[in-house]
Amino acid sequence: MKLKKITMEDIAAELGISKSLVSKALSGSHGISEDTKEKVRAAAIRMGYRFKKAVPQQATDKTGNVAVLLPREDVGDFDYWGIILKSIEVEMSRNGYSVMFSGIDTHAEKGVSLPLSITEHKVDGVIILGRIPRPIILSVITEGLPIVLIDSDYHDLNVDLVYADNYGGGFEAARHLIAHGHRNLGFVGNLDYSWTFRERYRGFAAAVDQYRSETGEETTLSTFSGDEDFNNIPISYEKIMTCLEAAERPTALFCANDPVAFVVMQAMDKLGLVCPDEMSIMGFDNVSKCELSVTPLTSIEPHKSLMGERASQMLLRRMEYNNGVSEKQQLVVKIVERKTIKMLN
């Protein structure tokens, strides 16, 4: 059955506003608040409205370029995003495309300008990595360019997405620690930082609950969340110290990502606590430093290179043929065992 074409009238009816206001919001006209523009764009994307390119082009008028957007604060994270970026560049180059990279200020006010490569349509498609603010993503979509998200918080948008199975990773992390005899568990990481952190915690907590219900055995889960004010690490140092200095501190911690795990291990060292003898630690992301730390860190591999490759392939297909139906590809993660988890009796 042929899908119904969504019109501005449909969007107006959905939101209870005029077609004229919808038209002005979608075209980015002055005099329309950024909140209204975001509301209209979000509704249009959710309903499957097909945006037209701002600059008319012939089907054969290709630029041979794709844009990649990444939060500016993550540009120096070569261990995680660098691997994904390299994979994108390799796959795009193999298919005859050049990559135009831009760092995005995620703390800018609403209405921040998009890179000229996008607004002037010097690219044929866009890949967006990580925690790019929603208004920016909506603005890119309204430019009418094919778009793919990687590891994004916004699963409600009607766009292609590639992401790791964060929930499953958290679930398996808890099962792994429980299998090693740990019953006093902890999670460390700011749950307000990202959707991925919340999913990792949700999976971890679900596995603990399942074990309790299946065995009746007492198993505790302590959560150490809070601010993200410690040298760009998504957890406050005070929360880490609260965890480590607790009278009944957990015997094993699952950290929301590897940088958090490394800070926890450093804090343990300052307190004279030995890992894993006095506390087991597990991270997520499996960055290269995991193997290089004094005690190699057990972590979860989200298949970073494959994420970049799959996102590139999705964008290549979308640039060739856009049927209006978005795809979401979830990659199954795996535990990489090293030396930071102790088997308890």
C-alpha atoms as a PDB file:
ATOM      1  CA  MET A   1       0.000   0.000   0.000  1.00  0.00           C
ATOM      2  CA  LYS A   2       1.341   3.413  -0.958  1.00  0.00           C
ATOM      3  CA  LEU A   3       2.141   5.641   2.002  1.00  0.00           C
ATOM      4  CA  LYS A   4       0.096   8.830   2.306  1.00  0.00           C
ATOM      5  CA  LYS A   5       2.053  11.950   1.448  1.00  0.00           C
ATOM      6  CA  ILE A   6       2.206  14.241   4.460  1.00  0.00           C
ATOM      7  CA  THR A   7       1.393  17.884   3.690  1.00  0.00           C
ATOM      8  CA  MET A   8       1.724  21.170   5.563  1.00  0.00           C
ATOM      9  CA  GLU A   9      -2.034  21.028   6.095  1.00  0.00           C
ATOM     10  CA  ASP A  10      -1.590  17.719   7.939  1.00  0.00           C
ATOM     11  CA  ILE A  11       1.092  19.211  10.182  1.00  0.00           C
ATOM     12  CA  ALA A  12      -1.045  22.276  10.858  1.00  0.00           C
ATOM     13  CA  ALA A  13      -4.013  20.091  11.810  1.00  0.00           C
ATOM     14  CA  GLU A  14      -1.824  17.957  14.081  1.00  0.00           C
ATOM     15  CA  LEU A  15      -0.522  20.997  15.968  1.00  0.00           C
ATOM     16  CA  GLY A  16      -3.680  23.092  15.822  1.00  0.00           C
ATOM     17  CA  ILE A  17      -1.987  26.007  14.044  1.00  0.00           C
ATOM     18  CA  SER A  18      -2.272  27.631  10.625  1.00  0.00           C
ATOM     19  CA  LYS A  19      -0.674  26.286   7.457  1.00  0.00           C
ATOM     20  CA  SER A  20       0.992  29.682   7.043  1.00  0.00           C
ATOM     21  CA  LEU A  21       2.730  29.339  10.406  1.00  0.00           C
ATOM     22  CA  VAL A  22       3.873  25.821   9.497  1.00  0.00           C
ATOM     23  CA  SER A  23       5.288  27.110   6.203  1.00  0.00           C
ATOM     24  CA  LYS A  24       7.154  29.943   7.895  1.00  0.00           C
ATOM     25  CA  ALA A  25       8.522  27.671  10.613  1.00  0.00           C
ATOM     26  CA  LEU A  26       9.781  25.082   8.119  1.00  0.00           C
ATOM     27  CA  SER A  27      11.413  27.735   5.943  1.00  0.00           C
ATOM     28  CA  GLY A  28      13.165  29.312   8.930  1.00  0.00           C
ATOM     29  CA  SER A  29      11.501  32.686   8.485  1.00  0.00           C
ATOM     30  CA  HIS A  30      12.358  35.539  10.835  1.00  0.00           C
ATOM     31  CA  GLY A  31       9.711  36.508  13.365  1.00  0.00           C
ATOM     32  CA  ILE A  32       9.034  32.895  14.354  1.00  0.00           C
ATOM     33  CA  SER A  33      10.398  31.802  17.736  1.00  0.00           C
ATOM     34  CA  GLU A  34      12.960  29.024  17.869  1.00  0.00           C
ATOM     35  CA  ASP A  35      10.634  27.033  20.137  1.00  0.00           C
ATOM     36  CA  THR A  36       7.885  27.169  17.524  1.00  0.00           C
ATOM     37  CA  LYS A  37      10.286  26.207  14.747  1.00  0.00           C
ATOM     38  CA  GLU A  38      11.520  23.233  16.761  1.00  0.00           C
ATOM     39  CA  LYS A  39       7.971  22.128  17.579  1.00  0.00           C
ATOM     40  CA  VAL A  40       6.898  22.279  13.921  1.00  0.00           C
ATOM     41  CA  ARG A  41      10.065  20.595  12.637  1.00  0.00           C
ATOM     42  CA  ALA A  42       9.760  17.795  15.189  1.00  0.00           C
ATOM     43  CA  ALA A  43       6.126  17.173  14.237  1.00  0.00           C
ATOM     44  CA  ALA A  44       6.974  17.200  10.524  1.00  0.00           C
ATOM     45  CA  ILE A  45       9.767  14.686  11.000  1.00  0.00           C
ATOM     46  CA  ARG A  46       7.663  12.452  13.248  1.00  0.00           C
ATOM     47  CA  MET A  47       4.828  12.421  10.707  1.00  0.00           C
ATOM     48  CA  GLY A  48       7.156  11.645   7.786  1.00  0.00           C
ATOM     49  CA  TYR A  49       7.002  14.966   5.942  1.00  0.00           C
ATOM     50  CA  ARG A  50       9.371  15.019   2.953  1.00  0.00           C
ATOM     51  CA  PHE A  51      11.536  18.137   3.062  1.00  0.00           C
ATOM     52  CA  LYS A  52      12.640  19.718  -0.182  1.00  0.00           C
ATOM     53  CA  LYS A  53      16.196  20.834  -0.699  1.00  0.00           C
ATOM     54  CA  ALA A  54      16.668  24.576  -0.310  1.00  0.00           C
ATOM     55  CA  VAL A  55      18.796  24.652  -3.441  1.00  0.00           C
ATOM     56  CA  PRO A  56      17.323  22.825  -6.453  1.00  0.00           C
ATOM     57  CA  GLN A  57      19.675  20.246  -7.921  1.00  0.00           C
ATOM     58  CA  GLN A  58      19.529  17.827 -10.794  1.00  0.00           C
ATOM     59  CA  ALA A  59      19.636  14.137  -9.929  1.00  0.00           C
ATOM     60  CA  THR A  60      23.137  13.926 -11.354  1.00  0.00           C
ATOM     61  CA  ASP A  61      24.356  17.121  -9.664  1.00  0.00           C
ATOM     62  CA  LYS A  62      26.371  15.482  -6.875  1.00  0.00           C
ATOM     63  CA  THR A  63      29.013  17.239  -4.799  1.00  0.00           C
ATOM     64  CA  GLY A  64      30.944  14.089  -3.891  1.00  0.00           C
ATOM     65  CA  ASN A  65      31.073  15.266  -0.259  1.00  0.00           C
ATOM     66  CA  VAL A  66      29.408  14.251   2.994  1.00  0.00           C
ATOM     67  CA  ALA A  67      29.380  16.227   6.250  1.00  0.00           C
ATOM     68  CA  VAL A  68      30.112  14.708   9.653  1.00  0.00           C
ATOM     69  CA  LEU A  69      29.065  16.642  12.766  1.00  0.00           C
ATOM     70  CA  LEU A  70      30.473  15.936  16.236  1.00  0.00           C
ATOM     71  CA  PRO A  71      30.148  17.832  19.554  1.00  0.00           C
ATOM     72  CA  ARG A  72      33.184  20.104  19.856  1.00  0.00           C
ATOM     73  CA  GLU A  73      33.971  18.774  23.335  1.00  0.00           C
ATOM     74  CA  ASP A  74      34.338  15.265  21.867  1.00  0.00           C
ATOM     75  CA  VAL A  75      36.701  16.221  19.040  1.00  0.00           C
ATOM     76  CA  GLY A  76      39.751  15.206  21.073  1.00  0.00           C
ATOM     77  CA  ASP A  77      38.306  11.823  22.043  1.00  0.00           C
ATOM     78  CA  PHE A  78      40.359   9.794  19.583  1.00  0.00           C
ATOM     79  CA  ASP A  79      39.915   6.540  21.515  1.00  0.00           C
ATOM     80  CA  TYR A  80      36.167   6.481  20.877  1.00  0.00           C
ATOM     81  CA  TRP A  81      34.923   8.964  18.288  1.00  0.00           C
ATOM     82  CA  GLY A  82      38.251   8.955  16.447  1.00  0.00           C
ATOM     83  CA  ILE A  83      37.806   5.281  15.582  1.00  0.00           C
ATOM     84  CA  ILE A  84      34.271   5.922  14.322  1.00  0.00           C
ATOM     85  CA  LEU A  85      35.425   8.928  12.261  1.00  0.00           C
ATOM     86  CA  LYS A  86      38.236   6.911  10.707  1.00  0.00           C
ATOM     87  CA  SER A  87      35.810   4.151   9.760  1.00  0.00           C
ATOM     88  CA  ILE A  88      33.452   6.686   8.140  1.00  0.00           C
ATOM     89  CA  GLU A  89      36.297   8.258   6.173  1.00  0.00           C
ATOM     90  CA  VAL A  90      37.540   4.871   4.939  1.00  0.00           C
ATOM     91  CA  GLU A  91      34.087   3.683   3.833  1.00  0.00           C
ATOM     92  CA  MET A  92      33.164   6.983   2.185  1.00  0.00           C
ATOM     93  CA  SER A  93      36.513   7.231   0.402  1.00  0.00           C
ATOM     94  CA  ARG A  94      36.072   3.682  -0.878  1.00  0.00           C
ATOM     95  CA  ASN A  95      32.809   4.831  -2.456  1.00  0.00           C
ATOM     96  CA  GLY A  96      34.240   7.997  -3.977  1.00  0.00           C
ATOM     97  CA  TYR A  97      33.164  10.548  -1.337  1.00  0.00           C
ATOM     98  CA  SER A  98      35.182  13.058   0.663  1.00  0.00           C
ATOM     99  CA  VAL A  99      34.322  13.806   4.306  1.00  0.00           C
ATOM    100  CA  MET A 100      33.862  17.379   5.556  1.00  0.00           C
ATOM    101  CA  PHE A 101      34.137  17.363   9.354  1.00  0.00           C
ATOM    102  CA  SER A 102      32.683  20.058  11.650  1.00  0.00           C
ATOM    103  CA  GLY A 103      32.763  20.405  15.440  1.00  0.00           C
ATOM    104  CA  ILE A 104      29.502  21.733  16.917  1.00  0.00           C
ATOM    105  CA  ASP A 105      29.214  23.952  19.990  1.00  0.00           C
ATOM    106  CA  THR A 106      26.587  22.071  21.986  1.00  0.00           C
ATOM    107  CA  HIS A 107      26.305  24.878  24.545  1.00  0.00           C
ATOM    108  CA  ALA A 108      25.353  27.574  22.043  1.00  0.00           C
ATOM    109  CA  GLU A 109      21.962  29.253  22.240  1.00  0.00           C
ATOM    110  CA  LYS A 110      19.101  28.063  20.056  1.00  0.00           C
ATOM    111  CA  GLY A 111      19.352  29.231  16.474  1.00  0.00           C
ATOM    112  CA  VAL A 112      23.072  28.469  16.203  1.00  0.00           C
ATOM    113  CA  SER A 113      24.206  28.496  12.591  1.00  0.00           C
ATOM    114  CA  LEU A 114      24.786  25.246  10.769  1.00  0.00           C
ATOM    115  CA  PRO A 115      28.089  24.693   8.960  1.00  0.00           C
ATOM    116  CA  LEU A 116      28.183  26.332   5.520  1.00  0.00           C
ATOM    117  CA  SER A 117      28.804  22.918   3.991  1.00  0.00           C
ATOM    118  CA  ILE A 118      25.182  22.117   4.910  1.00  0.00           C
ATOM    119  CA  THR A 119      23.378  25.433   4.432  1.00  0.00           C
ATOM    120  CA  GLU A 120      25.029  25.971   1.036  1.00  0.00           C
ATOM    121  CA  HIS A 121      24.449  22.328   0.045  1.00  0.00           C
ATOM    122  CA  LYS A 122      28.078  21.542  -0.589  1.00  0.00           C
ATOM    123  CA  VAL A 123      27.427  17.997   0.646  1.00  0.00           C
ATOM    124  CA  ASP A 124      25.145  15.180  -0.468  1.00  0.00           C
ATOM    125  CA  GLY A 125      24.405  13.818   3.005  1.00  0.00           C
ATOM    126  CA  VAL A 126      25.142  14.210   6.711  1.00  0.00           C
ATOM    127  CA  ILE A 127      26.252  11.882   9.525  1.00  0.00           C
ATOM    128  CA  ILE A 128      25.698  13.197  13.054  1.00  0.00           C
ATOM    129  CA  LEU A 129      27.630  11.704  15.962  1.00  0.00           C
ATOM    130  CA  GLY A 130      26.716  11.684  19.633  1.00  0.00           C
ATOM    131  CA  ARG A 131      25.059  14.364  21.724  1.00  0.00           C
ATOM    132  CA  ILE A 132      24.340  17.038  19.117  1.00  0.00           C
ATOM    133  CA  PRO A 133      21.444  19.229  20.394  1.00  0.00           C
ATOM    134  CA  ARG A 134      18.017  18.402  19.025  1.00  0.00           C
ATOM    135  CA  PRO A 135      17.406  21.846  17.389  1.00  0.00           C
ATOM    136  CA  ILE A 136      20.548  21.418  15.291  1.00  0.00           C
ATOM    137  CA  ILE A 137      19.476  17.962  14.138  1.00  0.00           C
ATOM    138  CA  LEU A 138      16.040  19.294  13.241  1.00  0.00           C
ATOM    139  CA  SER A 139      17.642  22.155  11.279  1.00  0.00           C
ATOM    140  CA  VAL A 140      19.791  19.704   9.313  1.00  0.00           C
ATOM    141  CA  ILE A 141      16.755  17.560   8.480  1.00  0.00           C
ATOM    142  CA  THR A 142      14.801  20.566   7.215  1.00  0.00           C
ATOM    143  CA  GLU A 143      17.620  21.285   4.756  1.00  0.00           C
ATOM    144  CA  GLY A 144      16.343  18.219   2.904  1.00  0.00           C
ATOM    145  CA  LEU A 145      19.625  16.307   3.018  1.00  0.00           C
ATOM    146  CA  PRO A 146      19.833  12.574   3.784  1.00  0.00           C
ATOM    147  CA  ILE A 147      20.926  12.104   7.395  1.00  0.00           C
ATOM    148  CA  VAL A 148      22.149   9.256   9.608  1.00  0.00           C
ATOM    149  CA  LEU A 149      22.636   9.472  13.378  1.00  0.00           C
ATOM    150  CA  ILE A 150      25.219   7.511  15.375  1.00  0.00           C
ATOM    151  CA  ASP A 151      24.792   6.867  19.100  1.00  0.00           C
ATOM    152  CA  SER A 152      22.159   9.599  19.379  1.00  0.00           C
ATOM    153  CA  ASP A 153      19.721  10.390  22.187  1.00  0.00           C
ATOM    154  CA  TYR A 154      16.865  11.089  19.787  1.00  0.00           C
ATOM    155  CA  HIS A 155      15.310   7.744  18.907  1.00  0.00           C
ATOM    156  CA  ASP A 156      11.931   9.359  18.315  1.00  0.00           C
ATOM    157  CA  LEU A 157      13.048  11.123  15.132  1.00  0.00           C
ATOM    158  CA  ASN A 158      12.073   9.569  11.806  1.00  0.00           C
ATOM    159  CA  VAL A 159      15.674   9.266  10.597  1.00  0.00           C
ATOM    160  CA  ASP A 160      18.244   6.495  10.177  1.00  0.00           C
ATOM    161  CA  LEU A 161      20.195   5.563  13.296  1.00  0.00           C
ATOM    162  CA  VAL A 162      23.072   3.243  14.223  1.00  0.00           C
ATOM    163  CA  TYR A 163      23.749   2.511  17.890  1.00  0.00           C
ATOM    164  CA  ALA A 164      25.187  -0.055  20.267  1.00  0.00           C
ATOM    165  CA  ASP A 165      22.942  -2.243  22.407  1.00  0.00           C
ATOM    166  CA  ASN A 166      23.492  -0.203  25.552  1.00  0.00           C
ATOM    167  CA  TYR A 167      20.661  -1.890  27.453  1.00  0.00           C
ATOM    168  CA  GLY A 168      21.962  -5.347  26.573  1.00  0.00           C
ATOM    169  CA  GLY A 169      25.483  -4.316  27.530  1.00  0.00           C
ATOM    170  CA  GLY A 170      24.348  -3.176  30.955  1.00  0.00           C
ATOM    171  CA  PHE A 171      22.334  -6.365  31.395  1.00  0.00           C
ATOM    172  CA  GLU A 172      25.302  -8.580  30.547  1.00  0.00           C
ATOM    173  CA  ALA A 173      27.587  -6.510  32.786  1.00  0.00           C
ATOM    174  CA  ALA A 174      25.408  -7.284  35.807  1.00  0.00           C
ATOM    175  CA  ARG A 175      25.150 -10.969  34.881  1.00  0.00           C
ATOM    176  CA  HIS A 176      28.942 -11.114  34.526  1.00  0.00           C
ATOM    177  CA  LEU A 177      29.583  -9.557  37.929  1.00  0.00           C
ATOM    178  CA  ILE A 178      26.948 -11.741  39.590  1.00  0.00           C
ATOM    179  CA  ALA A 179      28.510 -14.832  37.986  1.00  0.00           C
ATOM    180  CA  HIS A 180      31.784 -13.780  39.649  1.00  0.00           C
ATOM    181  CA  GLY A 181      30.089 -13.923  43.050  1.00  0.00           C
ATOM    182  CA  HIS A 182      29.321 -10.233  43.555  1.00  0.00           C
ATOM    183  CA  ARG A 183      26.050  -9.388  45.313  1.00  0.00           C
ATOM    184  CA  ASN A 184      26.780  -5.817  46.425  1.00  0.00           C
ATOM    185  CA  LEU A 185      26.883  -3.918  43.142  1.00  0.00           C
ATOM    186  CA  GLY A 186      27.172  -0.272  42.163  1.00  0.00           C
ATOM    187  CA  PHE A 187      26.634   1.883  39.067  1.00  0.00           C
ATOM    188  CA  VAL A 188      28.682   5.055  38.580  1.00  0.00           C
ATOM    189  CA  GLY A 189      27.799   7.710  35.997  1.00  0.00           C
ATOM    190  CA  ASN A 190      25.609  10.766  35.547  1.00  0.00           C
ATOM    191  CA  LEU A 191      22.231   9.480  34.343  1.00  0.00           C
ATOM    192  CA  ASP A 192      21.358  12.933  32.978  1.00  0.00           C
ATOM    193  CA  TYR A 193      24.410  12.923  30.711  1.00  0.00           C
ATOM    194  CA  SER A 194      22.968  10.894  27.842  1.00  0.00           C
ATOM    195  CA  TRP A 195      20.407   8.344  26.700  1.00  0.00           C
ATOM    196  CA  THR A 196      23.207   5.768  26.365  1.00  0.00           C
ATOM    197  CA  PHE A 197      24.088   6.089  30.065  1.00  0.00           C
ATOM    198  CA  ARG A 198      20.464   5.687  31.090  1.00  0.00           C
ATOM    199  CA  GLU A 199      20.071   2.607  28.901  1.00  0.00           C
ATOM    200  CA  ARG A 200      23.238   1.035  30.335  1.00  0.00           C
ATOM    201  CA  TYR A 201      21.937   1.625  33.843  1.00  0.00           C
ATOM    202  CA  ARG A 202      18.444   0.377  32.936  1.00  0.00           C
ATOM    203  CA  GLY A 203      19.860  -2.901  31.603  1.00  0.00           C
ATOM    204  CA  PHE A 204      22.146  -3.295  34.618  1.00  0.00           C
ATOM    205  CA  ALA A 205      19.290  -2.720  37.070  1.00  0.00           C
ATOM    206  CA  ALA A 206      16.982  -5.088  35.150  1.00  0.00           C
ATOM    207  CA  ALA A 207      19.501  -7.928  35.391  1.00  0.00           C
ATOM    208  CA  VAL A 208      19.899  -7.369  39.139  1.00  0.00           C
ATOM    209  CA  ASP A 209      16.113  -7.395  39.584  1.00  0.00           C
ATOM    210  CA  GLN A 210      15.804 -10.552  37.500  1.00  0.00           C
ATOM    211  CA  TYR A 211      18.449 -12.337  39.572  1.00  0.00           C
ATOM    212  CA  ARG A 212      16.701 -11.345  42.810  1.00  0.00           C
ATOM    213  CA  SER A 213      13.308 -12.584  41.583  1.00  0.00           C
ATOM    214  CA  GLU A 214      14.661 -15.859  40.179  1.00  0.00           C
ATOM    215  CA  THR A 215      16.845 -16.819  43.162  1.00  0.00           C
ATOM    216  CA  GLY A 216      15.423 -14.903  46.118  1.00  0.00           C
ATOM    217  CA  GLU A 217      19.014 -14.111  47.004  1.00  0.00           C
ATOM    218  CA  GLU A 218      19.720 -10.697  48.520  1.00  0.00           C
ATOM    219  CA  THR A 219      21.478  -8.501  45.970  1.00  0.00           C
ATOM    220  CA  THR A 220      21.978  -4.755  46.415  1.00  0.00           C
ATOM    221  CA  LEU A 221      22.430  -2.078  43.755  1.00  0.00           C
ATOM    222  CA  SER A 222      23.709   1.375  44.691  1.00  0.00           C
ATOM    223  CA  THR A 223      23.588   4.204  42.141  1.00  0.00           C
ATOM    224  CA  PHE A 224      26.125   7.033  42.146  1.00  0.00           C
ATOM    225  CA  SER A 225      24.937   9.634  39.662  1.00  0.00           C
ATOM    226  CA  GLY A 226      25.205  13.436  39.930  1.00  0.00           C
ATOM    227  CA  ASP A 227      26.926  16.298  38.172  1.00  0.00           C
ATOM    228  CA  GLU A 228      29.389  16.086  35.271  1.00  0.00           C
ATOM    229  CA  ASP A 229      31.839  18.675  36.534  1.00  0.00           C
ATOM    230  CA  PHE A 230      35.054  16.704  36.873  1.00  0.00           C
ATOM    231  CA  ASN A 231      37.346  17.575  33.938  1.00  0.00           C
ATOM    232  CA  ASN A 232      34.610  16.789  31.394  1.00  0.00           C
ATOM    233  CA  ILE A 233      34.111  13.336  32.926  1.00  0.00           C
ATOM    234  CA  PRO A 234      30.353  12.623  33.283  1.00  0.00           C
ATOM    235  CA  ILE A 235      30.363  12.212  37.073  1.00  0.00           C
ATOM    236  CA  SER A 236      31.430  14.433  39.955  1.00  0.00           C
ATOM    237  CA  TYR A 237      34.515  13.480  41.945  1.00  0.00           C
ATOM    238  CA  GLU A 238      32.475  13.882  45.141  1.00  0.00           C
ATOM    239  CA  LYS A 239      30.134  11.101  44.027  1.00  0.00           C
ATOM    240  CA  ILE A 240      33.076   8.806  43.360  1.00  0.00           C
ATOM    241  CA  MET A 241      34.513   9.489  46.805  1.00  0.00           C
ATOM    242  CA  THR A 242      31.074   8.935  48.381  1.00  0.00           C
ATOM    243  CA  CYS A 243      31.048   5.510  46.759  1.00  0.00           C
ATOM    244  CA  LEU A 244      34.597   4.529  47.709  1.00  0.00           C
ATOM    245  CA  GLU A 245      34.399   5.791  51.302  1.00  0.00           C
ATOM    246  CA  ALA A 246      31.017   4.211  52.094  1.00  0.00           C
ATOM    247  CA  ALA A 247      30.996   1.882  55.097  1.00  0.00           C
ATOM    248  CA  GLU A 248      29.303  -0.803  52.989  1.00  0.00           C
ATOM    249  CA  ARG A 249      30.807   0.064  49.633  1.00  0.00           C
ATOM    250  CA  PRO A 250      29.997  -2.194  46.672  1.00  0.00           C
ATOM    251  CA  THR A 251      32.348  -5.059  45.934  1.00  0.00           C
ATOM    252  CA  ALA A 252      31.984  -4.366  42.192  1.00  0.00           C
ATOM    253  CA  LEU A 253      31.229  -1.251  40.153  1.00  0.00           C
ATOM    254  CA  PHE A 254      29.859  -0.952  36.632  1.00  0.00           C
ATOM    255  CA  CYS A 255      30.958   2.423  35.250  1.00  0.00           C
ATOM    256  CA  ALA A 256      28.902   4.195  32.571  1.00  0.00           C
ATOM    257  CA  ASN A 257      31.982   4.476  30.348  1.00  0.00           C
ATOM    258  CA  ASP A 258      35.721   3.834  30.469  1.00  0.00           C
ATOM    259  CA  PRO A 259      36.769   7.418  31.380  1.00  0.00           C
ATOM    260  CA  VAL A 260      34.595   7.153  34.490  1.00  0.00           C
ATOM    261  CA  ALA A 261      36.192   3.792  35.294  1.00  0.00           C
ATOM    262  CA  PHE A 262      39.703   5.239  34.976  1.00  0.00           C
ATOM    263  CA  VAL A 263      38.872   8.080  37.375  1.00  0.00           C
ATOM    264  CA  VAL A 264      37.414   5.578  39.853  1.00  0.00           C
ATOM    265  CA  MET A 265      40.608   3.514  39.659  1.00  0.00           C
ATOM    266  CA  GLN A 266      42.739   6.631  40.209  1.00  0.00           C
ATOM    267  CA  ALA A 267      40.645   7.559  43.251  1.00  0.00           C
ATOM    268  CA  MET A 268      41.005   4.018  44.578  1.00  0.00           C
ATOM    269  CA  ASP A 269      44.764   4.285  44.254  1.00  0.00           C
ATOM    270  CA  LYS A 270      44.800   7.542  46.248  1.00  0.00           C
ATOM    271  CA  LEU A 271      42.801   5.856  49.007  1.00  0.00           C
ATOM    272  CA  GLY A 272      45.070   2.816  49.001  1.00  0.00           C
ATOM    273  CA  LEU A 273      42.356   0.518  47.651  1.00  0.00           C
ATOM    274  CA  VAL A 274      43.573  -2.265  45.380  1.00  0.00           C
ATOM    275  CA  CYS A 275      41.674  -3.216  42.230  1.00  0.00           C
ATOM    276  CA  PRO A 276      40.309  -5.878  41.951  1.00  0.00           C
ATOM    277  CA  ASP A 277      41.188  -7.279  45.394  1.00  0.00           C
ATOM    278  CA  GLU A 278      39.174  -4.674  47.297  1.00  0.00           C
ATOM    279  CA  MET A 279      36.793  -3.605  44.525  1.00  0.00           C
ATOM    280  CA  SER A 280      36.140  -4.900  41.025  1.00  0.00           C
ATOM    281  CA  ILE A 281      35.653  -2.413  38.174  1.00  0.00           C
ATOM    282  CA  MET A 282      34.011  -2.735  34.752  1.00  0.00           C
ATOM    283  CA  GLY A 283      33.740  -0.074  32.042  1.00  0.00           C
ATOM    284  CA  PHE A 284      31.987   0.452  28.717  1.00  0.00           C
ATOM    285  CA  ASP A 285      33.437   1.426  25.293  1.00  0.00           C
ATOM    286  CA  ASN A 286      36.647  -0.668  25.347  1.00  0.00           C
ATOM    287  CA  VAL A 287      38.996   2.206  24.459  1.00  0.00           C
ATOM    288  CA  SER A 288      42.675   1.473  23.834  1.00  0.00           C
ATOM    289  CA  LYS A 289      43.696   2.712  27.297  1.00  0.00           C
ATOM    290  CA  CYS A 290      41.891  -0.293  28.804  1.00  0.00           C
ATOM    291  CA  GLU A 291      44.804  -2.524  27.818  1.00  0.00           C
ATOM    292  CA  LEU A 292      47.441   0.033  28.799  1.00  0.00           C
ATOM    293  CA  SER A 293      46.323   0.825  32.359  1.00  0.00           C
ATOM    294  CA  VAL A 294      48.353  -0.606  35.255  1.00  0.00           C
ATOM    295  CA  THR A 295      45.533  -3.051  35.867  1.00  0.00           C
ATOM    296  CA  PRO A 296      43.986  -3.710  32.428  1.00  0.00           C
ATOM    297  CA  LEU A 297      40.296  -2.770  32.524  1.00  0.00           C
ATOM    298  CA  THR A 298      37.491  -5.204  31.738  1.00  0.00           C
ATOM    299  CA  SER A 299      35.126  -3.337  29.440  1.00  0.00           C
ATOM    300  CA  ILE A 300      32.303  -3.707  26.922  1.00  0.00           C
ATOM    301  CA  GLU A 301      33.070  -3.368  23.218  1.00  0.00           C
ATOM    302  CA  PRO A 302      30.336  -1.501  21.262  1.00  0.00           C
ATOM    303  CA  HIS A 303      32.021  -2.157  17.888  1.00  0.00           C
ATOM    304  CA  LYS A 304      33.013   1.445  17.194  1.00  0.00           C
ATOM    305  CA  SER A 305      34.513   0.838  13.775  1.00  0.00           C
ATOM    306  CA  LEU A 306      31.474  -1.131  12.648  1.00  0.00           C
ATOM    307  CA  MET A 307      29.173   1.702  13.744  1.00  0.00           C
ATOM    308  CA  GLY A 308      30.975   4.084  11.412  1.00  0.00           C
ATOM    309  CA  GLU A 309      30.945   1.580   8.582  1.00  0.00           C
ATOM    310  CA  ARG A 310      27.237   0.771   8.921  1.00  0.00           C
ATOM    311  CA  ALA A 311      26.271   4.444   9.205  1.00  0.00           C
ATOM    312  CA  SER A 312      28.225   5.198   6.028  1.00  0.00           C
ATOM    313  CA  GLN A 313      26.525   2.375   4.158  1.00  0.00           C
ATOM    314  CA  MET A 314      23.104   3.548   5.323  1.00  0.00           C
ATOM    315  CA  LEU A 315      23.844   7.089   4.148  1.00  0.00           C
ATOM    316  CA  LEU A 316      25.101   5.860   0.780  1.00  0.00           C
ATOM    317  CA  ARG A 317      21.843   3.953   0.257  1.00  0.00           C
ATOM    318  CA  ARG A 318      19.772   6.902   1.429  1.00  0.00           C
ATOM    319  CA  MET A 319      21.574   9.290  -0.950  1.00  0.00           C
ATOM    320  CA  GLU A 320      20.875   6.881  -3.798  1.00  0.00           C
ATOM    321  CA  TYR A 321      17.275   6.100  -2.906  1.00  0.00           C
ATOM    322  CA  ASN A 322      15.088   7.598  -0.182  1.00  0.00           C
ATOM    323  CA  ASN A 323      11.839   5.707   0.386  1.00  0.00           C
ATOM    324  CA  GLY A 324      10.938   7.750   3.452  1.00  0.00           C
ATOM    325  CA  VAL A 325      11.126   4.768   5.832  1.00  0.00           C
ATOM    326  CA  SER A 326      13.796   5.170   8.485  1.00  0.00           C
ATOM    327  CA  GLU A 327      15.974   2.319   9.738  1.00  0.00           C
ATOM    328  CA  LYS A 328      17.513   1.702  13.156  1.00  0.00           C
ATOM    329  CA  GLN A 329      20.458  -0.688  13.387  1.00  0.00           C
ATOM    330  CA  GLN A 330      21.431  -1.953  16.834  1.00  0.00           C
ATOM    331  CA  LEU A 331      24.807  -3.649  17.210  1.00  0.00           C
ATOM    332  CA  VAL A 332      25.171  -6.417  19.791  1.00  0.00           C
ATOM    333  CA  VAL A 333      28.016  -5.646  22.222  1.00  0.00           C
ATOM    334  CA  LYS A 334      30.475  -8.007  23.910  1.00  0.00           C
ATOM    335  CA  ILE A 335      32.423  -8.141  27.171  1.00  0.00           C
ATOM    336  CA  VAL A 336      36.220  -7.973  26.854  1.00  0.00           C
ATOM    337  CA  GLU A 337      37.605  -9.657  29.969  1.00  0.00           C
ATOM    338  CA  ARG A 338      40.859  -8.331  31.444  1.00  0.00           C
ATOM    339  CA  LYS A 339      42.129  -8.007  35.042  1.00  0.00           C
ATOM    340  CA  THR A 340      39.758  -5.762  37.028  1.00  0.00           C
ATOM    341  CA  ILE A 341      37.111  -8.277  38.147  1.00  0.00           C
ATOM    342  CA  LYS A 342      37.763 -10.606  41.056  1.00  0.00           C
ATOM    343  CA  MET A 343      36.042 -13.956  41.483  1.00  0.00           C
ATOM    344  CA  LEU A 344      34.588 -14.090  44.998  1.00  0.00           C
ATOM    345  CA  ASN A 345      34.177 -17.325  46.892  1.00  0.00           C
END
